[in-house]
Amino acid sequence: MDGVLIIDKPVGFTSHDVVARVRRILRERRVGHTGTLDPFATGVLVILVGRATRLAQFLSGAEKEYEAVIRLGYATDTGDLTGKPLPVDLHAGKMPSQKEIEAAMASLRGEIEQVPPMYSAKKQQGRKLYELARRGEEVERAAVSVTIHEFEALPREGHLLIQSDDGTGEFSARVVCSAGTYIRTLAEDLGRSVGLGAHLVGLRRTRAGDFHIAESVDLQTLEESFSQGGCAEFLIATDAALSRLPFMHLTAADVARVRNGMRISVADESAAGWVDGAKVRMREPEGSLIAVGLFDKATAQLQPTVVLG
């Protein structure tokens, strides 16, 4: 069983929990994912099955889309609803107006610098930051560049900000961003822009690259389907999963060379428009994906970098 599953991750599950559950359901040892979601978050988790696990490098850097619920009024030590409230240095300010929120969101669009949160799986000197944070340690983290393509409010019942009796306020937002963006950090940065503490109280990933939430399946449905004879309707073929990459059909002789990791020559008409270093799908004569190769423009050759079979 080889291919890609789009799982709608439930709240309370780690990404590793989902991988372990899919392994049990499919009775397949080779299962992985292309990018983590926090346990409190839900939505698109791209799961690779069988030989498709070798394709993670081509999918993990994809653009992401989220729907987030941000609470203004206080911050937490984790940046989300699972953490402890921080000292109230930013707690006492009044709620911002709609114009102030929209201006703050506009200031965070484009390429920005983010400092990874301590409660994250990012490693520093071989140790995960959240492991240090749980021991009460805080270390210096270098800022990284991320791109916020879209950051817009999603009004509810005609109101952008819903205020609560406790003095806090919540609003929903849609975010389209580069891989590696921390939405928790984005929420905290927005809070600072309006002079308030802020944290995430809800996060749902609605898209990862070309994979949308509408294509997803929940774990219970997957298990029921598999127990009744299979889950082919949910499994995306490896070739289709890489549909953004150019492709070429190989001859039988080329297939033998590729299986041995050898370069093959590419005719000029096949490589029209390919840039040097382009990643190219390499298909067997009947159309199934056998490998992904890198194009060397100077020699007009393809070097297989990942061979599936």
Protein backbone atom coordinates (compact mmCIF):
# COMPACT_ATOMS: atom_id res chain seq x y z
CA MET A 1 0.00 0.00 0.00
CA ASP A 2 1.69 3.19 -1.23
CA GLY A 3 0.29 6.70 -1.36
CA VAL A 4 -0.83 9.76 0.57
CA LEU A 5 -3.67 10.14 3.06
CA ILE A 6 -5.12 13.50 4.08
CA ILE A 7 -6.16 13.00 7.70
CA ASP A 8 -8.39 15.45 9.58
CA LYS A 9 -6.42 15.39 12.83
CA PRO A 10 -8.65 15.43 15.91
CA VAL A 11 -8.04 17.67 18.90
CA GLY A 12 -5.89 16.12 21.63
CA PHE A 13 -3.82 13.96 19.26
CA THR A 14 -0.17 14.62 18.54
CA SER A 15 0.99 14.12 14.96
CA HIS A 16 2.90 11.05 16.19
CA ASP A 17 -0.36 9.70 17.69
CA VAL A 18 -2.00 9.94 14.27
CA VAL A 19 0.92 8.16 12.59
CA ALA A 20 0.74 5.36 15.17
CA ARG A 21 -3.03 5.02 14.71
CA VAL A 22 -2.73 4.84 10.90
CA ARG A 23 -0.02 2.17 11.26
CA ARG A 24 -2.40 0.07 13.34
CA ILE A 25 -5.37 0.61 11.04
CA LEU A 26 -3.52 -0.19 7.81
CA ARG A 27 -1.13 -2.74 9.37
CA GLU A 28 1.65 -0.91 7.57
CA ARG A 29 4.93 -0.10 9.32
CA ARG A 30 6.07 2.55 6.85
CA VAL A 31 3.96 5.57 7.77
CA GLY A 32 5.11 9.17 8.25
CA HIS A 33 3.87 12.76 8.01
CA THR A 34 5.03 15.95 6.30
CA GLY A 35 4.56 18.51 9.08
CA THR A 36 3.39 18.52 12.68
CA LEU A 37 0.24 20.01 14.20
CA ASP A 38 0.03 20.89 17.89
CA PRO A 39 -2.22 18.59 19.96
CA PHE A 40 -4.85 21.32 20.49
CA ALA A 41 -5.02 22.00 16.72
CA THR A 42 -7.12 20.13 14.16
CA GLY A 43 -7.23 19.74 10.42
CA VAL A 44 -5.05 18.70 7.51
CA LEU A 45 -2.24 16.31 8.39
CA VAL A 46 -0.56 14.83 5.32
CA ILE A 47 0.26 11.17 5.97
CA LEU A 48 2.65 9.19 3.75
CA VAL A 49 2.17 5.44 3.45
CA GLY A 50 4.54 2.75 2.21
CA ARG A 51 7.08 3.85 -0.39
CA ALA A 52 5.49 7.31 -0.39
CA THR A 53 7.38 7.98 2.87
CA ARG A 54 10.42 8.63 0.66
CA LEU A 55 8.67 11.68 -0.79
CA ALA A 56 8.52 13.74 2.41
CA GLN A 57 11.28 16.09 1.24
CA PHE A 58 9.16 17.15 -1.76
CA LEU A 59 6.03 17.91 0.30
CA SER A 60 7.13 19.20 3.71
CA GLY A 61 7.97 22.73 2.53
CA ALA A 62 4.52 23.45 1.11
CA GLU A 63 2.51 26.59 1.85
CA LYS A 64 -0.07 26.22 4.64
CA GLU A 65 -3.50 27.73 5.30
CA TYR A 66 -5.18 28.02 8.71
CA GLU A 67 -8.25 29.29 10.48
CA ALA A 68 -7.28 30.62 13.90
CA VAL A 69 -9.14 32.01 16.90
CA ILE A 70 -7.07 34.61 18.77
CA ARG A 71 -7.87 35.81 22.28
CA LEU A 72 -6.77 39.29 23.31
CA GLY A 73 -6.38 40.25 26.95
CA TYR A 74 -3.59 38.04 28.27
CA ALA A 75 -0.73 35.87 27.07
CA THR A 76 0.22 32.34 28.13
CA ASP A 77 3.60 30.65 28.50
CA THR A 78 2.87 28.34 25.54
CA GLY A 79 1.17 30.92 23.30
CA ASP A 80 -2.05 28.88 23.30
CA LEU A 81 -4.94 27.86 25.52
CA THR A 82 -2.99 24.94 27.05
CA GLY A 83 -0.54 27.23 28.84
CA LYS A 84 -0.48 29.20 32.08
CA PRO A 85 -1.34 32.91 32.03
CA LEU A 86 1.72 35.14 32.10
CA PRO A 87 2.19 38.13 34.43
CA VAL A 88 -0.32 40.85 33.59
CA ASP A 89 2.07 43.42 32.11
CA LEU A 90 -0.08 43.60 28.97
CA HIS A 91 -3.39 42.64 30.53
CA ALA A 92 -4.90 45.94 31.53
CA GLY A 93 -5.28 47.74 28.19
CA LYS A 94 -8.67 48.31 26.61
CA MET A 95 -9.80 46.26 23.65
CA PRO A 96 -8.66 47.64 20.27
CA SER A 97 -11.03 48.87 17.58
CA GLN A 98 -11.65 46.99 14.34
CA LYS A 99 -9.39 49.45 12.49
CA GLU A 100 -6.57 48.91 15.00
CA ILE A 101 -6.81 45.13 14.66
CA GLU A 102 -6.85 45.31 10.86
CA ALA A 103 -3.86 47.69 10.86
CA ALA A 104 -1.94 45.32 13.15
CA MET A 105 -2.72 42.39 10.85
CA ALA A 106 -1.57 44.37 7.80
CA SER A 107 1.75 45.13 9.52
CA LEU A 108 2.40 41.39 9.88
CA ARG A 109 1.87 40.48 6.23
CA GLY A 110 4.78 39.80 3.93
CA GLU A 111 8.20 38.55 4.97
CA ILE A 112 8.66 38.88 8.73
CA GLU A 113 11.02 37.61 11.40
CA GLN A 114 9.74 35.13 14.01
CA VAL A 115 11.45 33.86 17.13
CA PRO A 116 10.45 30.19 17.56
CA PRO A 117 8.48 29.65 20.78
CA MET A 118 10.07 27.72 23.64
CA TYR A 119 7.13 25.32 23.57
CA SER A 120 7.92 23.95 20.11
CA ALA A 121 9.51 20.83 18.63
CA LYS A 122 12.32 22.87 17.08
CA LYS A 123 15.71 21.54 18.13
CA GLN A 124 18.59 23.56 19.51
CA GLN A 125 21.92 21.82 20.08
CA GLY A 126 20.16 18.50 19.61
CA ARG A 127 17.43 19.15 22.21
CA LYS A 128 13.78 19.96 21.56
CA LEU A 129 12.84 23.37 22.89
CA TYR A 130 9.68 22.14 24.62
CA GLU A 131 11.74 19.66 26.65
CA LEU A 132 13.84 22.54 27.97
CA ALA A 133 10.74 24.66 28.59
CA ARG A 134 9.13 21.92 30.68
CA ARG A 135 12.24 21.95 32.88
CA GLY A 136 11.86 25.69 33.36
CA GLU A 137 14.77 26.56 31.06
CA GLU A 138 14.69 29.31 28.46
CA VAL A 139 17.40 29.64 25.84
CA GLU A 140 18.22 32.27 23.25
CA ARG A 141 16.61 31.48 19.88
CA ALA A 142 17.59 32.98 16.57
CA ALA A 143 14.81 34.65 14.60
CA VAL A 144 13.86 33.01 11.30
CA SER A 145 12.28 34.55 8.20
CA VAL A 146 8.76 33.42 7.31
CA THR A 147 6.24 34.78 4.83
CA ILE A 148 2.66 35.68 5.70
CA HIS A 149 0.90 35.73 2.34
CA GLU A 150 -2.56 36.46 3.75
CA PHE A 151 -3.74 37.45 7.24
CA GLU A 152 -7.33 38.58 7.42
CA ALA A 153 -10.09 38.73 10.00
CA LEU A 154 -13.19 36.53 9.68
CA PRO A 155 -16.07 38.43 11.31
CA ARG A 156 -18.65 36.42 13.21
CA GLU A 157 -22.29 37.54 13.31
CA GLY A 158 -21.24 40.84 11.76
CA HIS A 159 -18.65 41.57 14.45
CA LEU A 160 -14.88 41.30 14.14
CA LEU A 161 -14.19 41.21 17.88
CA ILE A 162 -16.39 39.33 20.35
CA GLN A 163 -15.88 40.65 23.88
CA SER A 164 -16.33 38.52 26.99
CA ASP A 165 -17.46 39.43 30.50
CA ASP A 166 -13.94 38.78 31.81
CA GLY A 167 -12.54 41.68 29.78
CA THR A 168 -10.97 39.59 27.04
CA GLY A 169 -11.94 39.57 23.39
CA GLU A 170 -11.74 36.97 20.62
CA PHE A 171 -11.67 37.14 16.86
CA SER A 172 -11.22 34.63 14.06
CA ALA A 173 -8.63 34.96 11.32
CA ARG A 174 -7.49 33.24 8.15
CA VAL A 175 -3.74 32.83 7.59
CA VAL A 176 -1.89 31.68 4.47
CA CYS A 177 1.82 31.34 5.19
CA SER A 178 5.08 29.65 4.36
CA ALA A 179 6.10 26.36 5.96
CA GLY A 180 7.68 26.80 9.36
CA THR A 181 5.41 29.66 10.46
CA TYR A 182 4.23 29.54 14.08
CA ILE A 183 0.65 30.80 14.25
CA ARG A 184 0.98 31.05 18.04
CA THR A 185 3.84 33.48 17.59
CA LEU A 186 1.86 35.41 14.99
CA ALA A 187 -1.00 35.79 17.51
CA GLU A 188 1.41 37.00 20.20
CA ASP A 189 3.01 39.49 17.81
CA LEU A 190 -0.41 40.85 16.88
CA GLY A 191 -1.22 41.29 20.56
CA ARG A 192 1.95 43.29 21.08
CA SER A 193 1.02 45.48 18.10
CA VAL A 194 -2.23 46.52 19.84
CA GLY A 195 -0.70 46.70 23.33
CA LEU A 196 -2.25 43.54 24.76
CA GLY A 197 -1.28 40.01 25.61
CA ALA A 198 -2.67 37.45 23.15
CA HIS A 199 -2.77 33.71 22.58
CA LEU A 200 -4.43 31.11 20.37
CA VAL A 201 -7.59 29.40 21.57
CA GLY A 202 -8.29 27.53 18.34
CA LEU A 203 -6.36 26.46 15.25
CA ARG A 204 -7.47 24.46 12.24
CA ARG A 205 -5.25 23.74 9.26
CA THR A 206 -7.44 23.89 6.17
CA ARG A 207 -4.75 23.32 3.53
CA ALA A 208 -1.19 22.03 3.17
CA GLY A 209 0.14 22.68 -0.32
CA ASP A 210 -2.38 21.17 -2.76
CA PHE A 211 -4.13 19.10 -0.08
CA HIS A 212 -7.39 20.61 1.22
CA ILE A 213 -9.54 19.81 4.23
CA ALA A 214 -12.38 18.82 1.83
CA GLU A 215 -10.24 15.85 0.73
CA SER A 216 -9.56 14.68 4.27
CA VAL A 217 -10.83 11.66 6.18
CA ASP A 218 -11.13 11.24 9.92
CA LEU A 219 -9.49 8.32 11.68
CA GLN A 220 -12.74 6.55 12.56
CA THR A 221 -13.98 6.61 8.96
CA LEU A 222 -10.59 5.34 7.75
CA GLU A 223 -10.70 2.47 10.23
CA GLU A 224 -14.29 1.53 9.33
CA SER A 225 -13.50 1.65 5.61
CA PHE A 226 -10.39 -0.51 5.97
CA SER A 227 -12.22 -3.08 8.09
CA GLN A 228 -14.82 -3.39 5.32
CA GLY A 229 -12.30 -4.22 2.63
CA GLY A 230 -10.01 -1.27 1.97
CA CYS A 231 -9.51 2.46 1.83
CA ALA A 232 -8.42 2.99 -1.78
CA GLU A 233 -10.94 5.83 -2.13
CA PHE A 234 -8.91 7.90 0.36
CA LEU A 235 -5.42 7.03 -0.86
CA ILE A 236 -3.83 9.51 -3.28
CA ALA A 237 -1.34 7.94 -5.69
CA THR A 238 2.29 9.01 -5.32
CA ASP A 239 2.33 10.52 -8.82
CA ALA A 240 -0.81 12.60 -8.16
CA ALA A 241 0.63 13.79 -4.83
CA LEU A 242 3.48 15.45 -6.74
CA SER A 243 1.29 16.91 -9.49
CA ARG A 244 3.08 20.28 -9.38
CA LEU A 245 6.31 18.70 -10.62
CA PRO A 246 6.98 18.24 -14.35
CA PHE A 247 7.18 14.64 -15.58
CA MET A 248 8.55 12.42 -18.30
CA HIS A 249 7.76 8.89 -19.42
CA LEU A 250 10.71 6.50 -19.46
CA THR A 251 11.52 3.75 -21.90
CA ALA A 252 11.97 0.21 -20.61
CA ALA A 253 15.75 0.67 -20.93
CA ASP A 254 15.58 3.93 -18.94
CA VAL A 255 13.57 2.22 -16.19
CA ALA A 256 16.35 -0.33 -15.70
CA ARG A 257 18.96 2.42 -15.47
CA VAL A 258 16.88 4.48 -13.01
CA ARG A 259 16.35 1.46 -10.76
CA ASN A 260 20.13 1.26 -10.50
CA GLY A 261 20.42 4.96 -9.67
CA MET A 262 21.93 5.83 -13.06
CA ARG A 263 21.43 9.06 -15.00
CA ILE A 264 19.37 9.13 -18.17
CA SER A 265 19.50 11.55 -21.08
CA VAL A 266 16.53 13.80 -21.82
CA ALA A 267 15.50 14.92 -25.30
CA ASP A 268 15.36 18.68 -25.82
CA GLU A 269 11.63 18.67 -26.50
CA SER A 270 10.92 16.81 -23.24
CA ALA A 271 12.95 19.28 -21.18
CA ALA A 272 11.49 22.43 -22.71
CA GLY A 273 10.98 24.96 -19.92
CA TRP A 274 12.83 22.96 -17.26
CA VAL A 275 15.28 24.99 -15.19
CA ASP A 276 18.58 23.64 -13.93
CA GLY A 277 17.98 21.62 -10.76
CA ALA A 278 14.28 21.09 -11.50
CA LYS A 279 12.66 18.17 -9.68
CA VAL A 280 11.02 15.87 -12.24
CA ARG A 281 8.64 12.94 -11.88
CA MET A 282 9.98 9.89 -13.71
CA ARG A 283 7.22 7.54 -14.88
CA GLU A 284 7.27 3.97 -16.11
CA PRO A 285 5.82 3.38 -19.62
CA GLU A 286 2.37 2.56 -18.15
CA GLY A 287 2.37 5.82 -16.17
CA SER A 288 3.18 4.87 -12.57
CA LEU A 289 5.79 6.91 -10.69
CA ILE A 290 9.13 5.14 -10.34
CA ALA A 291 11.39 7.97 -9.17
CA VAL A 292 11.97 11.68 -8.74
CA GLY A 293 15.05 13.09 -10.42
CA LEU A 294 17.03 16.33 -10.62
CA PHE A 295 17.58 17.90 -14.03
CA ASP A 296 21.12 18.87 -15.01
CA LYS A 297 20.65 21.47 -17.74
CA ALA A 298 24.32 21.49 -18.78
CA THR A 299 24.30 17.78 -19.66
CA ALA A 300 20.54 17.46 -20.44
CA GLN A 301 20.34 14.53 -18.00
CA LEU A 302 18.15 13.45 -15.11
CA GLN A 303 19.74 12.06 -11.97
CA PRO A 304 17.29 9.98 -9.89
CA THR A 305 17.43 11.13 -6.27
CA VAL A 306 14.53 9.11 -4.85
CA VAL A 307 13.70 5.72 -6.38
CA LEU A 308 10.38 4.18 -5.36
CA GLY A 309 10.71 0.76 -6.91
